[in-house]
Amino acid sequence: MLFRVLAIILALSITGCSSWVYRIDIPQGNYLEQKDIDKLQIAMTKEQVKFILGSPVINDAFDKDTWYYVYRFRSGRSEEFNVNKNFIIKFEDDTLISAEGDFTVSDNFNTPMKN
């Protein structure tokens, strides 16, 4: 009987400490920085954009000219640190025509690159 009471007390005390359990942070996708977004300019090729931002997380199977850069961060400590960022790049004839999402393109974005 005493063993059962001790087992129950032990089980309850362990579950009470569950807030002390370490939970890992989970980053997923493309981590983009504003300094890299600022390098984008209209009429860049897909290879140039890939060199600056890396490969997109999502390639639309039905639209090869739209690239999706998605980043999710789930904090193991608190939901206030969670981050969701999206950035969509569109091409036409292998050249960049638009970029939109959770980042701001630079003032030079609409100035075509000089070849």
N, C-alpha and C. Protein backbone atom coordinates (compact mmCIF):
# COMPACT_ATOMS: atom_id res chain seq x y z
N MET A 1 0.82 -1.20 0.00
CA MET A 1 0.00 0.00 0.00
C MET A 1 0.87 1.26 0.00
N LEU A 2 1.88 1.26 0.85
CA LEU A 2 2.79 2.40 0.93
C LEU A 2 3.52 2.60 -0.41
N PHE A 3 3.85 1.51 -1.07
CA PHE A 3 4.52 1.59 -2.36
C PHE A 3 3.63 2.27 -3.40
N ARG A 4 2.34 1.96 -3.40
CA ARG A 4 1.41 2.57 -4.35
C ARG A 4 1.26 4.06 -4.10
N VAL A 5 1.19 4.46 -2.85
CA VAL A 5 1.06 5.87 -2.50
C VAL A 5 2.31 6.63 -2.95
N LEU A 6 3.48 6.05 -2.69
CA LEU A 6 4.73 6.68 -3.11
C LEU A 6 4.82 6.78 -4.64
N ALA A 7 4.35 5.76 -5.35
CA ALA A 7 4.36 5.78 -6.81
C ALA A 7 3.45 6.87 -7.34
N ILE A 8 2.30 7.04 -6.73
CA ILE A 8 1.36 8.09 -7.15
C ILE A 8 1.95 9.47 -6.88
N ILE A 9 2.55 9.65 -5.73
CA ILE A 9 3.16 10.94 -5.39
C ILE A 9 4.30 11.25 -6.35
N LEU A 10 5.11 10.24 -6.65
CA LEU A 10 6.21 10.42 -7.59
C LEU A 10 5.70 10.79 -8.98
N ALA A 11 4.66 10.11 -9.44
CA ALA A 11 4.09 10.38 -10.76
C ALA A 11 3.53 11.80 -10.83
N LEU A 12 2.85 12.23 -9.80
CA LEU A 12 2.28 13.58 -9.78
C LEU A 12 3.37 14.64 -9.72
N SER A 13 4.43 14.36 -8.99
CA SER A 13 5.51 15.36 -8.90
C SER A 13 6.27 15.48 -10.22
N ILE A 14 6.42 14.39 -10.95
CA ILE A 14 7.10 14.43 -12.24
C ILE A 14 6.26 15.20 -13.26
N THR A 15 4.96 14.96 -13.29
CA THR A 15 4.11 15.68 -14.25
C THR A 15 4.03 17.16 -13.90
N GLY A 16 4.20 17.51 -12.66
CA GLY A 16 4.20 18.92 -12.26
C GLY A 16 5.42 19.66 -12.78
N CYS A 17 6.49 18.96 -13.08
CA CYS A 17 7.72 19.56 -13.58
C CYS A 17 7.79 19.57 -15.10
N SER A 18 6.72 19.24 -15.76
CA SER A 18 6.77 19.15 -17.22
C SER A 18 7.07 20.49 -17.88
N SER A 19 6.85 21.60 -17.20
CA SER A 19 7.18 22.90 -17.78
C SER A 19 8.69 23.11 -17.82
N TRP A 20 9.45 22.29 -17.13
CA TRP A 20 10.90 22.40 -17.12
C TRP A 20 11.52 21.58 -18.24
N VAL A 21 10.72 20.84 -18.96
CA VAL A 21 11.25 20.00 -20.03
C VAL A 21 11.73 20.89 -21.16
N TYR A 22 12.92 20.59 -21.67
CA TYR A 22 13.49 21.38 -22.77
C TYR A 22 12.78 21.05 -24.07
N ARG A 23 12.36 22.08 -24.77
CA ARG A 23 11.72 21.92 -26.07
C ARG A 23 12.59 22.64 -27.09
N ILE A 24 12.89 21.97 -28.18
CA ILE A 24 13.80 22.55 -29.17
C ILE A 24 13.10 23.57 -30.05
N ASP A 25 13.88 24.50 -30.60
CA ASP A 25 13.40 25.43 -31.61
C ASP A 25 13.37 24.70 -32.94
N ILE A 26 12.37 24.98 -33.77
CA ILE A 26 12.23 24.30 -35.05
C ILE A 26 12.20 25.34 -36.17
N PRO A 27 13.34 25.56 -36.85
CA PRO A 27 13.34 26.43 -38.03
C PRO A 27 13.10 25.59 -39.28
N GLN A 28 12.27 26.09 -40.20
CA GLN A 28 11.98 25.38 -41.45
C GLN A 28 11.94 26.38 -42.60
N GLY A 29 12.50 25.99 -43.73
CA GLY A 29 12.38 26.80 -44.94
C GLY A 29 13.60 27.66 -45.20
N ASN A 30 13.38 28.73 -45.98
CA ASN A 30 14.43 29.66 -46.38
C ASN A 30 14.48 30.84 -45.41
N TYR A 31 15.60 30.99 -44.73
CA TYR A 31 15.78 32.17 -43.90
C TYR A 31 16.32 33.28 -44.80
N LEU A 32 15.53 34.30 -45.02
CA LEU A 32 15.94 35.43 -45.86
C LEU A 32 16.22 36.64 -44.99
N GLU A 33 17.15 37.47 -45.45
CA GLU A 33 17.46 38.71 -44.77
C GLU A 33 17.16 39.88 -45.70
N GLN A 34 16.80 41.01 -45.11
CA GLN A 34 16.45 42.18 -45.90
C GLN A 34 17.62 42.61 -46.80
N LYS A 35 18.85 42.46 -46.34
CA LYS A 35 20.01 42.87 -47.15
C LYS A 35 20.08 42.06 -48.45
N ASP A 36 19.62 40.82 -48.44
CA ASP A 36 19.61 40.02 -49.67
C ASP A 36 18.45 40.44 -50.58
N ILE A 37 17.31 40.75 -50.00
CA ILE A 37 16.16 41.22 -50.78
C ILE A 37 16.53 42.53 -51.49
N ASP A 38 17.32 43.37 -50.82
CA ASP A 38 17.72 44.66 -51.40
C ASP A 38 18.58 44.50 -52.64
N LYS A 39 19.18 43.34 -52.85
CA LYS A 39 20.03 43.10 -54.02
C LYS A 39 19.22 42.76 -55.27
N LEU A 40 17.94 42.44 -55.10
CA LEU A 40 17.12 42.05 -56.25
C LEU A 40 16.80 43.24 -57.13
N GLN A 41 16.81 43.00 -58.45
CA GLN A 41 16.41 44.03 -59.42
C GLN A 41 15.60 43.38 -60.52
N ILE A 42 14.70 44.15 -61.05
CA ILE A 42 13.85 43.68 -62.15
C ILE A 42 14.75 43.21 -63.30
N ALA A 43 14.31 42.22 -64.02
CA ALA A 43 14.99 41.66 -65.20
C ALA A 43 16.18 40.75 -64.85
N MET A 44 16.37 40.43 -63.57
CA MET A 44 17.38 39.43 -63.23
C MET A 44 16.94 38.07 -63.73
N THR A 45 17.90 37.21 -64.02
CA THR A 45 17.56 35.86 -64.45
C THR A 45 17.26 34.98 -63.23
N LYS A 46 16.70 33.83 -63.49
CA LYS A 46 16.42 32.89 -62.40
C LYS A 46 17.70 32.48 -61.69
N GLU A 47 18.78 32.30 -62.45
CA GLU A 47 20.06 31.90 -61.85
C GLU A 47 20.61 33.01 -60.94
N GLN A 48 20.45 34.25 -61.34
CA GLN A 48 20.92 35.36 -60.51
C GLN A 48 20.13 35.44 -59.21
N VAL A 49 18.82 35.26 -59.30
CA VAL A 49 17.98 35.29 -58.10
C VAL A 49 18.33 34.11 -57.19
N LYS A 50 18.55 32.94 -57.78
CA LYS A 50 18.91 31.76 -56.99
C LYS A 50 20.27 31.96 -56.31
N PHE A 51 21.19 32.66 -56.96
CA PHE A 51 22.49 32.94 -56.37
C PHE A 51 22.35 33.82 -55.13
N ILE A 52 21.43 34.78 -55.19
CA ILE A 52 21.25 35.72 -54.07
C ILE A 52 20.42 35.11 -52.94
N LEU A 53 19.29 34.49 -53.27
CA LEU A 53 18.36 34.01 -52.25
C LEU A 53 18.43 32.52 -51.97
N GLY A 54 19.08 31.77 -52.85
CA GLY A 54 19.07 30.32 -52.70
C GLY A 54 17.87 29.73 -53.43
N SER A 55 17.78 28.42 -53.39
CA SER A 55 16.66 27.74 -54.05
C SER A 55 15.38 27.95 -53.26
N PRO A 56 14.26 28.12 -53.95
CA PRO A 56 12.99 28.31 -53.24
C PRO A 56 12.55 27.01 -52.56
N VAL A 57 11.78 27.16 -51.50
CA VAL A 57 11.25 26.00 -50.79
C VAL A 57 10.18 25.32 -51.64
N ILE A 58 9.37 26.12 -52.32
CA ILE A 58 8.26 25.57 -53.09
C ILE A 58 8.38 26.00 -54.54
N ASN A 59 8.41 25.02 -55.43
CA ASN A 59 8.30 25.27 -56.87
C ASN A 59 6.92 24.80 -57.29
N ASP A 60 6.13 25.70 -57.80
CA ASP A 60 4.78 25.36 -58.23
C ASP A 60 4.85 24.45 -59.45
N ALA A 61 4.29 23.28 -59.34
CA ALA A 61 4.33 22.30 -60.43
C ALA A 61 3.57 22.78 -61.66
N PHE A 62 2.61 23.67 -61.47
CA PHE A 62 1.79 24.15 -62.58
C PHE A 62 2.25 25.51 -63.10
N ASP A 63 3.14 26.16 -62.37
CA ASP A 63 3.63 27.48 -62.78
C ASP A 63 5.12 27.56 -62.43
N LYS A 64 5.98 27.21 -63.39
CA LYS A 64 7.43 27.20 -63.16
C LYS A 64 8.01 28.60 -63.01
N ASP A 65 7.21 29.62 -63.28
CA ASP A 65 7.69 30.99 -63.19
C ASP A 65 7.34 31.67 -61.88
N THR A 66 6.86 30.93 -60.89
CA THR A 66 6.57 31.48 -59.57
C THR A 66 7.33 30.68 -58.53
N TRP A 67 8.14 31.39 -57.75
CA TRP A 67 8.92 30.76 -56.69
C TRP A 67 8.43 31.26 -55.35
N TYR A 68 8.32 30.34 -54.39
CA TYR A 68 7.85 30.67 -53.05
C TYR A 68 8.96 30.43 -52.04
N TYR A 69 9.33 31.48 -51.35
CA TYR A 69 10.29 31.38 -50.25
C TYR A 69 9.48 31.48 -48.96
N VAL A 70 9.51 30.42 -48.18
CA VAL A 70 8.71 30.33 -46.96
C VAL A 70 9.64 30.03 -45.80
N TYR A 71 9.44 30.72 -44.69
CA TYR A 71 10.23 30.46 -43.48
C TYR A 71 9.30 30.39 -42.29
N ARG A 72 9.45 29.34 -41.52
CA ARG A 72 8.68 29.17 -40.28
C ARG A 72 9.67 28.88 -39.16
N PHE A 73 9.46 29.55 -38.03
CA PHE A 73 10.27 29.28 -36.84
C PHE A 73 9.33 29.06 -35.67
N ARG A 74 9.43 27.91 -35.08
CA ARG A 74 8.62 27.56 -33.90
C ARG A 74 9.55 27.49 -32.71
N SER A 75 9.34 28.36 -31.76
CA SER A 75 10.17 28.40 -30.57
C SER A 75 9.73 27.33 -29.59
N GLY A 76 10.70 26.68 -28.98
CA GLY A 76 10.40 25.70 -27.95
C GLY A 76 10.08 26.35 -26.62
N ARG A 77 10.40 27.63 -26.48
CA ARG A 77 10.19 28.31 -25.21
C ARG A 77 8.86 29.03 -25.12
N SER A 78 8.54 29.81 -26.14
CA SER A 78 7.34 30.64 -26.06
C SER A 78 6.81 30.93 -27.46
N GLU A 79 5.50 31.00 -27.58
CA GLU A 79 4.89 31.29 -28.87
C GLU A 79 5.14 32.73 -29.32
N GLU A 80 5.52 33.60 -28.41
CA GLU A 80 5.77 34.99 -28.80
C GLU A 80 7.00 35.13 -29.69
N PHE A 81 7.86 34.10 -29.74
CA PHE A 81 9.03 34.11 -30.59
C PHE A 81 8.81 33.44 -31.94
N ASN A 82 7.62 32.92 -32.20
CA ASN A 82 7.33 32.26 -33.47
C ASN A 82 7.35 33.27 -34.62
N VAL A 83 7.86 32.84 -35.77
CA VAL A 83 8.00 33.71 -36.94
C VAL A 83 7.43 32.99 -38.16
N ASN A 84 6.69 33.70 -38.98
CA ASN A 84 6.20 33.21 -40.27
C ASN A 84 6.50 34.27 -41.32
N LYS A 85 7.31 33.93 -42.31
CA LYS A 85 7.67 34.88 -43.38
C LYS A 85 7.44 34.22 -44.73
N ASN A 86 6.89 34.97 -45.66
CA ASN A 86 6.65 34.50 -47.03
C ASN A 86 7.17 35.55 -48.01
N PHE A 87 7.72 35.07 -49.13
CA PHE A 87 8.19 35.96 -50.17
C PHE A 87 7.99 35.26 -51.50
N ILE A 88 7.31 35.92 -52.43
CA ILE A 88 6.96 35.31 -53.71
C ILE A 88 7.67 36.07 -54.84
N ILE A 89 8.36 35.31 -55.68
CA ILE A 89 9.09 35.86 -56.82
C ILE A 89 8.41 35.36 -58.10
N LYS A 90 8.17 36.28 -59.05
CA LYS A 90 7.56 35.89 -60.32
C LYS A 90 8.49 36.26 -61.47
N PHE A 91 8.52 35.34 -62.44
CA PHE A 91 9.36 35.51 -63.62
C PHE A 91 8.49 35.47 -64.87
N GLU A 92 9.02 36.05 -65.94
CA GLU A 92 8.41 35.92 -67.25
C GLU A 92 9.56 35.82 -68.25
N ASP A 93 9.56 34.78 -69.05
CA ASP A 93 10.66 34.53 -69.99
C ASP A 93 12.02 34.51 -69.29
N ASP A 94 12.08 33.85 -68.15
CA ASP A 94 13.30 33.66 -67.37
C ASP A 94 13.84 34.96 -66.75
N THR A 95 13.05 36.02 -66.71
CA THR A 95 13.51 37.26 -66.07
C THR A 95 12.53 37.67 -64.97
N LEU A 96 13.08 38.24 -63.92
CA LEU A 96 12.30 38.66 -62.76
C LEU A 96 11.37 39.81 -63.12
N ILE A 97 10.07 39.65 -62.79
CA ILE A 97 9.12 40.73 -63.08
C ILE A 97 8.48 41.29 -61.81
N SER A 98 8.43 40.49 -60.72
CA SER A 98 7.85 41.02 -59.48
C SER A 98 8.32 40.22 -58.28
N ALA A 99 8.25 40.89 -57.14
CA ALA A 99 8.59 40.27 -55.86
C ALA A 99 7.70 40.90 -54.80
N GLU A 100 7.09 40.06 -53.97
CA GLU A 100 6.20 40.59 -52.95
C GLU A 100 6.16 39.64 -51.76
N GLY A 101 5.76 40.18 -50.62
CA GLY A 101 5.63 39.36 -49.44
C GLY A 101 5.97 40.13 -48.18
N ASP A 102 6.57 39.44 -47.23
CA ASP A 102 6.85 40.02 -45.92
C ASP A 102 8.14 40.83 -45.87
N PHE A 103 8.74 41.09 -47.01
CA PHE A 103 9.92 41.94 -47.11
C PHE A 103 9.62 43.07 -48.08
N THR A 104 10.33 44.17 -47.95
CA THR A 104 10.17 45.32 -48.83
C THR A 104 11.29 45.33 -49.85
N VAL A 105 10.94 45.43 -51.13
CA VAL A 105 11.98 45.52 -52.16
C VAL A 105 12.59 46.92 -52.10
N SER A 106 13.84 47.02 -52.55
CA SER A 106 14.56 48.30 -52.49
C SER A 106 14.01 49.27 -53.53
N ASP A 107 14.42 50.52 -53.39
CA ASP A 107 14.03 51.55 -54.36
C ASP A 107 14.63 51.26 -55.73
N ASN A 108 15.73 50.51 -55.77
CA ASN A 108 16.39 50.16 -57.04
C ASN A 108 15.80 48.95 -57.70
N PHE A 109 14.80 48.34 -57.10
CA PHE A 109 14.23 47.11 -57.65
C PHE A 109 13.73 47.31 -59.07
N ASN A 110 13.08 48.41 -59.35
CA ASN A 110 12.48 48.64 -60.67
C ASN A 110 13.46 49.21 -61.68
N THR A 111 14.73 49.31 -61.33
CA THR A 111 15.77 49.73 -62.26
C THR A 111 16.41 48.47 -62.82
N PRO A 112 16.26 48.21 -64.13
CA PRO A 112 16.84 46.99 -64.69
C PRO A 112 18.36 46.96 -64.54
N MET A 113 18.89 45.75 -64.42
CA MET A 113 20.33 45.58 -64.32
C MET A 113 21.01 45.97 -65.62
N LYS A 114 22.21 46.50 -65.51
CA LYS A 114 23.00 46.84 -66.70
C LYS A 114 23.82 45.62 -67.07
N ASN A 115 23.76 45.22 -68.33
CA ASN A 115 24.52 44.06 -68.79
C ASN A 115 25.88 44.43 -69.29
